[in-house]
Amino acid sequence: MKKHLSLLLAFLMLVSMFALTSCGENSSTTTADFVVPENGYDGSEVTITFYHTMGQNLRDVLDIYIKEFNELYPKIKIVHEQVGGYDDVRSQISTQINVGKQPNIAYCYPDHVALYNLAKAVATLDGLIDSQITVTRADGTTEILGLTAEQKADFIEGYYKEGAAFGDGLMYSMPLSKSTEVLYYNKTFFEANNLSVPKTWDEMEALCAKILEIDPKSIPLGYDSEANWFITMCEQYGSPYTSATGEKYLFNNDKNIEFVTRFRDWYQKGYVTTQTLYGAYTSGLFTETVNSRCYMCIGSSAGAAHQIPKKDAEGNYPFEVGIATVPQIDASNPKVISQGPSLCIFKKNNAQEVVASWLFVKFLTTKVEFQAEFSMVSGYVPVIKSVSQNEAYKKFIDTANGHGNLPALSAKVCLEQESAYYTSPAFNGSSVARDEVGTLLTKCLSGNDGGDTAAFIKKSFEEAIKQCKAKG
């Protein structure tokens, strides 16, 4: 947190020091602060740097498609680099922006973009997305610079909208691959005890009580991310969490206090634990077969491989895993969180670098074969719906089961709930809010209330708001 705060303070100083301009450009299309050159991409030689977090397996996939991209645009050289994890990407770019050495393209989360934009460093994409300029490729075929109506409609809506979550209605990023949260459950145990998978939180509460009757030593439910749980409940209730404009920290309200109070009662009854309270990912409890265990776990869809129990001495899985959408307040209007990397493009004095970067981002995000292969290797979900018709991907989904091919089952569930995804407002300080509500929920679940739960929780909310304002 101290490192993050120092980054924020450094950026505040950058606001008055740093400005990027695009000079000497002939323009025919202008949106926000990026001017699309009159001829779009002019065929000039450019080198595009791309920062990401990909391991070797994903870099191998990327290299295959860079080669394919270069068959269309041979003068656009792509140089990509793994820069640790997401926080490492953010940290390195924040330093480089100060001296104008930022990459052309980078993995990003919304709060990263908000941070970079304190220095006005990220190019808006609206003019590029909507451009009708014709671009001729090396093989003689043509495409429009922007997205066609069909390409726009092909994006999973919740993923695409994340790029415009900054309060000004403009697009700053494109989705690359995504994950969400899902409910993993011990299908063997459920079937043996005639239990139904909960669709609502009311059903979850009753189910936890029932499981404790069956196995008093268990903790029925594990929830990995306290922050996700809090934020998702706000979205499901329609209660305020944050805003990208005006007063930013809105989560101290009666409805949010109500659900936190309810979940404290669950924790006190032994219904639930979380990653912080358990001390590790709750998948460890879920896959346990001997000691204290849980029979349900809410965790990342991209982490399905970690929810598979180890085979026994005979080579058999001790139980089958099922996957379902996380419980809802209103099952007819589901809301599930959208996470995973997007791509942002940085401003450069040479507008051709920005346009070339866009062509590559467009290629990665709309190329069905890349989206399919990247998803199968990474465990993340494609961002375009047409991937479901790709033959290789269809075969992958058809292998889905509750044992060794659990990642395919996870992807299947994610695709089936495509209309449910939401994203939260992004602004400088949104990551602080996320951290604080996670800490808040943890504290309220397990803290000593001194005999007055209502006063304890009320004070905890007030302190969390103060922390947000001090750090954000």
Protein backbone atom coordinates (compact mmCIF):
# COMPACT_ATOMS: atom_id res chain seq x y z
CA MET A 1 0.00 0.00 0.00
CA LYS A 2 2.84 2.44 0.78
CA LYS A 3 4.35 1.70 -2.61
CA HIS A 4 1.01 2.31 -4.27
CA LEU A 5 0.52 5.58 -2.39
CA SER A 6 3.96 6.79 -3.42
CA LEU A 7 3.06 6.09 -7.03
CA LEU A 8 -0.10 8.13 -6.70
CA LEU A 9 1.76 11.05 -5.18
CA ALA A 10 4.37 10.87 -7.92
CA PHE A 11 1.64 11.05 -10.50
CA LEU A 12 0.06 14.07 -8.88
CA MET A 13 3.35 15.87 -9.38
CA LEU A 14 3.46 14.67 -12.97
CA VAL A 15 0.16 16.33 -13.81
CA SER A 16 1.74 19.75 -13.84
CA MET A 17 5.01 18.54 -15.39
CA PHE A 18 4.00 16.22 -18.19
CA ALA A 19 1.99 16.66 -21.34
CA LEU A 20 2.11 14.64 -24.52
CA THR A 21 1.13 16.18 -27.81
CA SER A 22 0.55 14.88 -31.29
CA CYS A 23 2.10 17.47 -33.58
CA GLY A 24 2.05 18.03 -37.29
CA GLU A 25 -0.81 15.63 -38.02
CA ASN A 26 -3.33 16.07 -40.83
CA SER A 27 -6.68 15.20 -39.35
CA SER A 28 -10.04 14.17 -40.65
CA THR A 29 -11.44 12.53 -37.53
CA THR A 30 -11.08 13.97 -34.04
CA THR A 31 -12.45 12.48 -30.83
CA ALA A 32 -11.34 13.68 -27.40
CA ASP A 33 -7.55 14.10 -27.48
CA PHE A 34 -6.42 11.77 -30.26
CA VAL A 35 -6.53 12.87 -33.89
CA VAL A 36 -6.71 10.06 -36.43
CA PRO A 37 -4.40 10.84 -39.37
CA GLU A 38 -6.16 11.56 -42.64
CA ASN A 39 -4.91 8.38 -44.32
CA GLY A 40 -5.03 6.18 -41.24
CA TYR A 41 -1.98 3.92 -41.32
CA ASP A 42 0.40 5.16 -44.03
CA GLY A 43 2.53 2.02 -44.26
CA SER A 44 5.56 3.51 -42.54
CA GLU A 45 7.96 1.39 -40.52
CA VAL A 46 7.27 1.58 -36.79
CA THR A 47 8.34 -0.44 -33.76
CA ILE A 48 5.62 -1.12 -31.19
CA THR A 49 6.53 -2.10 -27.63
CA PHE A 50 4.04 -4.16 -25.66
CA TYR A 51 4.25 -4.80 -21.88
CA HIS A 52 2.36 -7.74 -20.45
CA THR A 53 2.51 -10.45 -17.76
CA MET A 54 2.39 -13.54 -19.99
CA GLY A 55 4.23 -16.69 -19.05
CA GLN A 56 6.15 -18.64 -21.68
CA ASN A 57 3.12 -20.70 -22.75
CA LEU A 58 1.14 -17.56 -23.59
CA ARG A 59 4.13 -15.83 -25.15
CA ASP A 60 4.40 -18.78 -27.50
CA VAL A 61 0.79 -18.25 -28.57
CA LEU A 62 1.36 -14.53 -28.97
CA ASP A 63 4.41 -15.08 -31.17
CA ILE A 64 2.41 -17.25 -33.55
CA TYR A 65 -0.14 -14.49 -34.08
CA ILE A 66 2.44 -11.71 -34.28
CA LYS A 67 3.83 -13.59 -37.26
CA GLU A 68 0.36 -13.75 -38.78
CA PHE A 69 -0.18 -10.04 -38.10
CA ASN A 70 3.12 -9.24 -39.79
CA GLU A 71 1.98 -11.03 -42.93
CA LEU A 72 -0.65 -8.29 -43.14
CA TYR A 73 1.47 -5.44 -41.80
CA PRO A 74 5.15 -6.31 -42.31
CA LYS A 75 6.40 -2.84 -41.44
CA ILE A 76 4.88 -2.88 -37.95
CA LYS A 77 7.45 -4.56 -35.70
CA ILE A 78 6.04 -5.85 -32.39
CA VAL A 79 8.48 -6.10 -29.48
CA HIS A 80 6.83 -7.59 -26.43
CA GLU A 81 8.12 -8.03 -22.91
CA GLN A 82 6.93 -9.79 -19.77
CA VAL A 83 7.17 -7.28 -16.92
CA GLY A 84 6.45 -9.38 -13.83
CA GLY A 85 2.86 -9.17 -12.57
CA TYR A 86 0.16 -6.56 -13.07
CA ASP A 87 1.51 -4.33 -10.30
CA ASP A 88 4.97 -4.52 -11.84
CA VAL A 89 3.63 -3.38 -15.20
CA ARG A 90 1.90 -0.45 -13.51
CA SER A 91 4.99 0.48 -11.51
CA GLN A 92 7.38 0.37 -14.45
CA ILE A 93 5.11 2.37 -16.72
CA SER A 94 4.48 5.00 -14.04
CA THR A 95 8.22 5.54 -13.83
CA GLN A 96 8.72 5.61 -17.58
CA ILE A 97 5.92 8.08 -18.22
CA ASN A 98 7.92 10.65 -16.27
CA VAL A 99 10.63 10.61 -18.94
CA GLY A 100 8.43 9.88 -21.94
CA LYS A 101 9.62 6.27 -22.28
CA GLN A 102 6.33 4.47 -21.76
CA PRO A 103 5.53 1.53 -24.09
CA ASN A 104 3.02 1.71 -26.91
CA ILE A 105 0.66 -0.95 -25.54
CA ALA A 106 0.25 -2.48 -22.09
CA TYR A 107 -1.82 -4.89 -20.08
CA CYS A 108 -4.02 -2.84 -17.82
CA TYR A 109 -6.75 -2.81 -15.24
CA PRO A 110 -9.09 0.20 -15.05
CA ASP A 111 -7.33 1.69 -12.01
CA HIS A 112 -4.02 1.54 -13.91
CA VAL A 113 -5.51 3.61 -16.72
CA ALA A 114 -6.89 6.13 -14.23
CA LEU A 115 -3.43 6.39 -12.68
CA TYR A 116 -1.69 6.88 -16.03
CA ASN A 117 -4.25 9.48 -16.99
CA LEU A 118 -3.18 11.75 -14.17
CA ALA A 119 -0.40 12.45 -16.66
CA LYS A 120 -2.88 12.34 -19.59
CA ALA A 121 -0.78 9.53 -21.04
CA VAL A 122 -3.38 7.13 -22.46
CA ALA A 123 -4.80 7.62 -25.95
CA THR A 124 -8.56 7.68 -26.30
CA LEU A 125 -9.77 5.04 -28.74
CA ASP A 126 -13.12 6.42 -29.90
CA GLY A 127 -11.82 7.99 -33.10
CA LEU A 128 -9.98 4.79 -33.99
CA ILE A 129 -12.92 2.53 -33.14
CA ASP A 130 -15.31 4.55 -35.30
CA SER A 131 -12.92 5.31 -38.16
CA GLN A 132 -14.13 4.38 -41.65
CA ILE A 133 -10.74 4.98 -43.26
CA THR A 134 -9.74 2.12 -45.56
CA VAL A 135 -6.38 0.49 -44.83
CA THR A 136 -4.64 -1.69 -47.43
CA ARG A 137 -2.74 -4.69 -46.13
CA ALA A 138 0.36 -6.30 -47.60
CA ASP A 139 -1.62 -9.08 -49.29
CA GLY A 140 -3.69 -6.52 -51.17
CA THR A 141 -6.82 -6.96 -49.09
CA THR A 142 -8.37 -4.04 -47.26
CA GLU A 143 -10.10 -3.37 -43.96
CA ILE A 144 -11.48 -0.31 -42.31
CA LEU A 145 -9.28 1.14 -39.61
CA GLY A 146 -12.07 1.01 -37.06
CA LEU A 147 -14.42 -1.73 -35.95
CA THR A 148 -17.31 -2.83 -38.11
CA ALA A 149 -20.80 -2.94 -36.61
CA GLU A 150 -20.51 -6.73 -36.52
CA GLN A 151 -17.20 -6.59 -34.67
CA LYS A 152 -18.59 -4.20 -32.08
CA ALA A 153 -21.63 -6.41 -31.53
CA ASP A 154 -19.42 -9.48 -31.17
CA PHE A 155 -17.80 -8.23 -27.96
CA ILE A 156 -19.32 -9.43 -24.70
CA GLU A 157 -20.96 -6.21 -23.60
CA GLY A 158 -19.77 -6.11 -20.00
CA TYR A 159 -16.17 -6.66 -21.06
CA TYR A 160 -16.29 -3.97 -23.76
CA LYS A 161 -17.92 -1.37 -21.51
CA GLU A 162 -15.05 -1.56 -19.05
CA GLY A 163 -13.05 0.58 -21.47
CA ALA A 164 -15.41 3.49 -20.86
CA ALA A 165 -15.71 3.22 -17.07
CA PHE A 166 -13.91 6.49 -16.34
CA GLY A 167 -16.79 8.94 -16.03
CA ASP A 168 -16.27 10.87 -19.28
CA GLY A 169 -17.91 8.41 -21.68
CA LEU A 170 -14.70 7.86 -23.67
CA MET A 171 -12.93 4.56 -24.45
CA TYR A 172 -9.45 4.09 -23.05
CA SER A 173 -8.94 0.33 -23.32
CA MET A 174 -10.02 -2.81 -25.15
CA PRO A 175 -10.67 -6.17 -23.44
CA LEU A 176 -8.14 -8.92 -24.17
CA SER A 177 -9.14 -11.85 -21.97
CA LYS A 178 -11.33 -11.99 -18.89
CA SER A 179 -12.21 -13.93 -15.80
CA THR A 180 -14.94 -13.72 -13.23
CA GLU A 181 -16.00 -15.45 -10.02
CA VAL A 182 -17.88 -18.72 -10.02
CA LEU A 183 -19.27 -21.05 -7.38
CA TYR A 184 -17.36 -24.32 -7.17
CA TYR A 185 -19.20 -27.04 -5.26
CA ASN A 186 -18.64 -30.66 -4.28
CA LYS A 187 -21.09 -32.25 -6.68
CA THR A 188 -20.60 -35.73 -5.21
CA PHE A 189 -21.49 -34.49 -1.70
CA PHE A 190 -24.47 -32.51 -3.01
CA GLU A 191 -25.91 -35.50 -4.86
CA ALA A 192 -25.32 -37.87 -1.94
CA ASN A 193 -27.21 -35.55 0.41
CA ASN A 194 -29.89 -34.40 -2.02
CA LEU A 195 -28.74 -30.76 -1.86
CA SER A 196 -29.60 -28.13 -4.46
CA VAL A 197 -27.11 -25.59 -5.80
CA PRO A 198 -28.06 -22.18 -4.35
CA LYS A 199 -29.18 -19.51 -6.82
CA THR A 200 -29.74 -16.78 -4.21
CA TRP A 201 -28.04 -15.69 -0.99
CA ASP A 202 -31.15 -16.70 0.96
CA GLU A 203 -30.79 -20.20 -0.44
CA MET A 204 -27.08 -20.12 0.38
CA GLU A 205 -27.80 -19.27 4.02
CA ALA A 206 -30.24 -22.16 4.39
CA LEU A 207 -27.83 -24.50 2.62
CA CYS A 208 -24.92 -23.60 4.90
CA ALA A 209 -27.04 -24.41 7.93
CA LYS A 210 -27.99 -27.75 6.39
CA ILE A 211 -24.38 -28.65 5.56
CA LEU A 212 -23.32 -27.95 9.14
CA GLU A 213 -25.98 -30.37 10.31
CA ILE A 214 -24.54 -33.03 7.98
CA ASP A 215 -20.88 -32.28 8.76
CA PRO A 216 -20.47 -30.18 11.92
CA LYS A 217 -16.68 -30.01 11.46
CA SER A 218 -16.92 -28.34 8.08
CA ILE A 219 -16.97 -24.69 7.02
CA PRO A 220 -19.64 -24.87 4.30
CA LEU A 221 -18.47 -21.91 2.18
CA GLY A 222 -15.12 -20.35 1.33
CA TYR A 223 -14.94 -16.98 -0.42
CA ASP A 224 -11.53 -16.01 -1.75
CA SER A 225 -11.89 -12.26 -2.29
CA GLU A 226 -13.46 -10.14 0.42
CA ALA A 227 -13.31 -7.08 -1.84
CA ASN A 228 -15.10 -8.84 -4.70
CA TRP A 229 -17.78 -10.07 -2.32
CA PHE A 230 -18.49 -6.57 -1.01
CA ILE A 231 -18.44 -4.94 -4.46
CA THR A 232 -20.63 -7.65 -6.00
CA MET A 233 -23.21 -7.28 -3.26
CA CYS A 234 -23.36 -3.54 -3.96
CA GLU A 235 -23.96 -4.28 -7.63
CA GLN A 236 -26.58 -6.94 -6.93
CA TYR A 237 -28.47 -4.69 -4.50
CA GLY A 238 -28.03 -1.61 -6.67
CA SER A 239 -26.57 0.17 -3.64
CA PRO A 240 -23.87 2.84 -4.01
CA TYR A 241 -20.22 1.80 -3.94
CA THR A 242 -18.12 4.42 -5.74
CA SER A 243 -18.46 7.03 -8.47
CA ALA A 244 -15.94 8.22 -11.06
CA THR A 245 -17.34 11.75 -10.75
CA GLY A 246 -18.37 13.94 -7.82
CA GLU A 247 -18.23 12.31 -4.40
CA LYS A 248 -16.25 9.14 -5.04
CA TYR A 249 -16.62 6.97 -1.93
CA LEU A 250 -20.29 6.11 -1.48
CA PHE A 251 -20.28 2.71 0.20
CA ASN A 252 -21.21 3.89 3.71
CA ASN A 253 -24.96 3.41 3.47
CA ASP A 254 -27.71 1.44 5.17
CA LYS A 255 -28.05 -1.31 2.58
CA ASN A 256 -24.34 -2.11 2.61
CA ILE A 257 -24.28 -2.08 6.42
CA GLU A 258 -27.20 -4.49 6.30
CA PHE A 259 -25.51 -7.14 4.16
CA VAL A 260 -22.22 -6.85 6.05
CA THR A 261 -24.11 -7.37 9.31
CA ARG A 262 -25.75 -10.43 7.82
CA PHE A 263 -22.45 -11.93 6.70
CA ARG A 264 -20.93 -11.28 10.12
CA ASP A 265 -23.68 -13.48 11.52
CA TRP A 266 -22.76 -16.16 8.96
CA TYR A 267 -19.13 -16.05 10.01
CA GLN A 268 -19.99 -16.20 13.69
CA LYS A 269 -22.14 -19.27 13.01
CA GLY A 270 -19.32 -20.96 11.12
CA TYR A 271 -21.01 -20.80 7.72
CA VAL A 272 -18.20 -19.06 5.85
CA THR A 273 -14.55 -18.12 5.82
CA THR A 274 -12.48 -15.98 3.47
CA GLN A 275 -8.96 -16.00 2.11
CA THR A 276 -7.69 -13.51 4.69
CA LEU A 277 -9.42 -15.17 7.61
CA TYR A 278 -8.40 -18.67 6.53
CA GLY A 279 -4.87 -17.53 5.73
CA ALA A 280 -4.76 -18.95 2.21
CA TYR A 281 -6.92 -19.46 -0.85
CA THR A 282 -10.00 -21.34 0.26
CA SER A 283 -9.49 -23.82 -2.57
CA GLY A 284 -7.23 -25.55 -0.05
CA LEU A 285 -10.27 -26.17 2.15
CA PHE A 286 -12.39 -27.14 -0.84
CA THR A 287 -10.01 -29.80 -2.11
CA GLU A 288 -9.30 -31.17 1.38
CA THR A 289 -10.60 -34.71 1.93
CA VAL A 290 -9.42 -35.57 5.45
CA ASN A 291 -9.43 -32.61 7.82
CA SER A 292 -11.73 -29.61 8.16
CA ARG A 293 -13.10 -28.81 4.74
CA CYS A 294 -15.60 -26.73 2.82
CA TYR A 295 -18.10 -27.97 0.27
CA MET A 296 -18.39 -24.74 -1.70
CA CYS A 297 -15.85 -22.16 -2.79
CA ILE A 298 -16.35 -18.87 -4.62
CA GLY A 299 -13.19 -18.04 -6.51
CA SER A 300 -11.74 -17.00 -9.83
CA SER A 301 -12.95 -18.77 -12.95
CA ALA A 302 -9.34 -18.67 -14.17
CA GLY A 303 -8.25 -20.69 -11.14
CA ALA A 304 -10.35 -23.76 -11.90
CA ALA A 305 -7.29 -26.01 -12.06
CA HIS A 306 -6.65 -25.27 -8.38
CA GLN A 307 -10.14 -26.49 -7.43
CA ILE A 308 -9.46 -30.05 -8.60
CA PRO A 309 -8.79 -32.45 -5.70
CA LYS A 310 -5.76 -34.73 -5.88
CA LYS A 311 -6.30 -38.28 -7.05
CA ASP A 312 -6.24 -41.02 -4.45
CA ALA A 313 -3.83 -43.96 -4.33
CA GLU A 314 -5.87 -45.81 -6.96
CA GLY A 315 -5.75 -42.85 -9.33
CA ASN A 316 -9.36 -41.78 -8.79
CA TYR A 317 -10.63 -38.33 -7.98
CA PRO A 318 -12.20 -38.31 -4.48
CA PHE A 319 -15.14 -36.21 -5.68
CA GLU A 320 -16.59 -34.51 -8.73
CA VAL A 321 -16.63 -30.72 -8.88
CA GLY A 322 -19.59 -28.72 -10.14
CA ILE A 323 -19.54 -25.07 -11.19
CA ALA A 324 -22.38 -22.55 -11.11
CA THR A 325 -23.00 -18.82 -11.20
CA VAL A 326 -22.43 -17.11 -7.84
CA PRO A 327 -25.59 -16.61 -5.77
CA GLN A 328 -27.69 -13.52 -6.44
CA ILE A 329 -30.06 -11.16 -4.71
CA ASP A 330 -32.33 -11.43 -7.76
CA ALA A 331 -31.66 -14.58 -9.77
CA SER A 332 -33.59 -13.12 -12.73
CA ASN A 333 -31.16 -10.18 -12.91
CA PRO A 334 -27.73 -11.70 -12.22
CA LYS A 335 -24.60 -9.63 -11.63
CA VAL A 336 -21.09 -11.09 -11.63
CA ILE A 337 -17.78 -9.27 -11.60
CA SER A 338 -15.59 -8.84 -14.69
CA GLN A 339 -11.82 -9.08 -14.21
CA GLY A 340 -8.73 -9.86 -16.26
CA PRO A 341 -6.43 -7.86 -18.54
CA SER A 342 -7.40 -5.21 -21.05
CA LEU A 343 -5.09 -3.34 -23.42
CA CYS A 344 -4.44 0.39 -23.41
CA ILE A 345 -2.48 2.43 -25.96
CA PHE A 346 -0.19 5.25 -24.93
CA LYS A 347 0.13 8.60 -26.67
CA LYS A 348 3.18 9.18 -28.81
CA ASN A 349 4.42 12.18 -30.78
CA ASN A 350 4.36 9.99 -33.88
CA ALA A 351 0.67 9.36 -34.55
CA GLN A 352 1.57 6.39 -36.77
CA GLU A 353 2.75 4.54 -33.66
CA VAL A 354 -0.68 4.99 -32.11
CA VAL A 355 -2.48 3.89 -35.27
CA ALA A 356 -0.18 0.88 -35.70
CA SER A 357 -0.71 -0.02 -32.04
CA TRP A 358 -4.45 0.14 -32.62
CA LEU A 359 -4.24 -2.19 -35.61
CA PHE A 360 -2.43 -4.76 -33.46
CA VAL A 361 -4.85 -4.36 -30.54
CA LYS A 362 -7.76 -4.70 -32.96
CA PHE A 363 -6.17 -7.85 -34.40
CA LEU A 364 -5.74 -9.52 -30.98
CA THR A 365 -9.18 -8.63 -29.70
CA THR A 366 -11.18 -9.55 -32.81
CA LYS A 367 -9.20 -12.50 -34.22
CA VAL A 368 -11.33 -15.55 -33.38
CA GLU A 369 -8.48 -18.05 -33.63
CA PHE A 370 -6.23 -16.04 -31.32
CA GLN A 371 -9.00 -15.51 -28.78
CA ALA A 372 -9.79 -19.22 -28.80
CA GLU A 373 -6.21 -20.43 -28.43
CA PHE A 374 -5.30 -17.80 -25.84
CA SER A 375 -8.33 -18.79 -23.76
CA MET A 376 -7.60 -22.50 -23.89
CA VAL A 377 -3.99 -22.00 -22.81
CA SER A 378 -4.58 -19.29 -20.19
CA GLY A 379 -7.80 -20.43 -18.53
CA TYR A 380 -9.28 -16.98 -19.13
CA VAL A 381 -12.42 -16.38 -21.17
CA PRO A 382 -12.57 -15.01 -24.74
CA VAL A 383 -13.96 -11.48 -25.05
CA ILE A 384 -15.89 -12.09 -28.28
CA LYS A 385 -18.96 -14.29 -28.62
CA SER A 386 -18.07 -15.77 -32.00
CA VAL A 387 -15.30 -17.86 -30.41
CA SER A 388 -18.02 -20.26 -29.29
CA GLN A 389 -18.39 -21.29 -32.96
CA ASN A 390 -14.68 -21.97 -33.44
CA GLU A 391 -14.19 -25.69 -34.00
CA ALA A 392 -11.14 -26.03 -31.76
CA TYR A 393 -12.85 -24.11 -28.98
CA LYS A 394 -16.05 -26.11 -29.33
CA LYS A 395 -14.05 -29.31 -28.91
CA PHE A 396 -12.39 -27.80 -25.84
CA ILE A 397 -15.75 -26.94 -24.27
CA ASP A 398 -17.10 -30.38 -25.14
CA THR A 399 -14.37 -31.93 -22.96
CA ALA A 400 -15.70 -30.10 -19.89
CA ASN A 401 -16.13 -32.24 -16.80
CA GLY A 402 -15.84 -32.01 -13.04
CA HIS A 403 -12.45 -33.65 -12.88
CA GLY A 404 -9.33 -33.06 -14.99
CA ASN A 405 -11.08 -30.80 -17.51
CA LEU A 406 -12.56 -28.44 -14.96
CA PRO A 407 -11.09 -25.33 -16.68
CA ALA A 408 -13.25 -26.12 -19.73
CA LEU A 409 -16.32 -26.37 -17.49
CA SER A 410 -15.42 -23.03 -15.92
CA ALA A 411 -15.16 -21.41 -19.36
CA LYS A 412 -18.50 -22.91 -20.36
CA VAL A 413 -20.25 -21.41 -17.32
CA CYS A 414 -18.61 -18.03 -17.96
CA LEU A 415 -19.83 -17.94 -21.55
CA GLU A 416 -23.36 -18.90 -20.48
CA GLN A 417 -23.60 -15.90 -18.14
CA GLU A 418 -22.28 -13.33 -20.65
CA SER A 419 -25.10 -10.86 -19.98
CA ALA A 420 -24.38 -10.70 -16.24
CA TYR A 421 -20.96 -9.02 -16.19
CA TYR A 422 -20.44 -5.66 -14.56
CA THR A 423 -17.50 -3.34 -13.97
CA SER A 424 -17.07 -0.69 -11.29
CA PRO A 425 -16.28 3.00 -11.90
CA ALA A 426 -12.57 3.65 -12.48
CA PHE A 427 -10.81 6.71 -11.11
CA ASN A 428 -7.67 7.68 -9.28
CA GLY A 429 -8.37 6.06 -5.93
CA SER A 430 -10.66 3.27 -7.10
CA SER A 431 -8.05 0.66 -6.16
CA VAL A 432 -7.87 2.23 -2.70
CA ALA A 433 -11.63 1.82 -2.32
CA ARG A 434 -11.34 -1.79 -3.36
CA ASP A 435 -8.64 -2.47 -0.79
CA GLU A 436 -10.54 -0.70 1.95
CA VAL A 437 -13.87 -2.47 1.46
CA GLY A 438 -12.04 -5.80 1.51
CA THR A 439 -10.40 -4.85 4.79
CA LEU A 440 -13.73 -3.53 6.06
CA LEU A 441 -15.58 -6.77 5.39
CA THR A 442 -12.83 -8.85 6.99
CA LYS A 443 -12.87 -6.66 10.08
CA CYS A 444 -16.63 -6.72 10.39
CA LEU A 445 -16.84 -10.49 10.02
CA SER A 446 -14.32 -11.34 12.71
CA GLY A 447 -13.69 -8.28 14.86
CA ASN A 448 -14.57 -7.87 18.53
CA ASP A 449 -17.75 -5.79 18.60
CA GLY A 450 -17.61 -5.10 22.35
CA GLY A 451 -21.20 -6.27 22.71
CA ASP A 452 -22.64 -3.70 20.29
CA THR A 453 -22.50 -5.08 16.75
CA ALA A 454 -24.37 -2.18 15.16
CA ALA A 455 -22.08 0.46 16.64
CA PHE A 456 -18.97 -1.57 15.76
CA ILE A 457 -19.97 -1.98 12.12
CA LYS A 458 -21.10 1.64 11.79
CA LYS A 459 -17.77 2.89 13.12
CA SER A 460 -15.87 0.47 10.86
CA PHE A 461 -17.64 1.87 7.79
CA GLU A 462 -16.86 5.43 8.86
CA GLU A 463 -13.19 4.58 9.35
CA ALA A 464 -13.02 2.91 5.93
CA ILE A 465 -14.36 6.07 4.27
CA LYS A 466 -11.76 8.13 6.12
CA GLN A 467 -9.00 5.81 4.93
CA CYS A 468 -10.19 6.10 1.33
CA LYS A 469 -10.15 9.89 1.46
CA ALA A 470 -6.74 9.94 3.11
CA LYS A 471 -5.12 7.49 0.68
CA GLY A 472 -7.06 8.19 -2.51
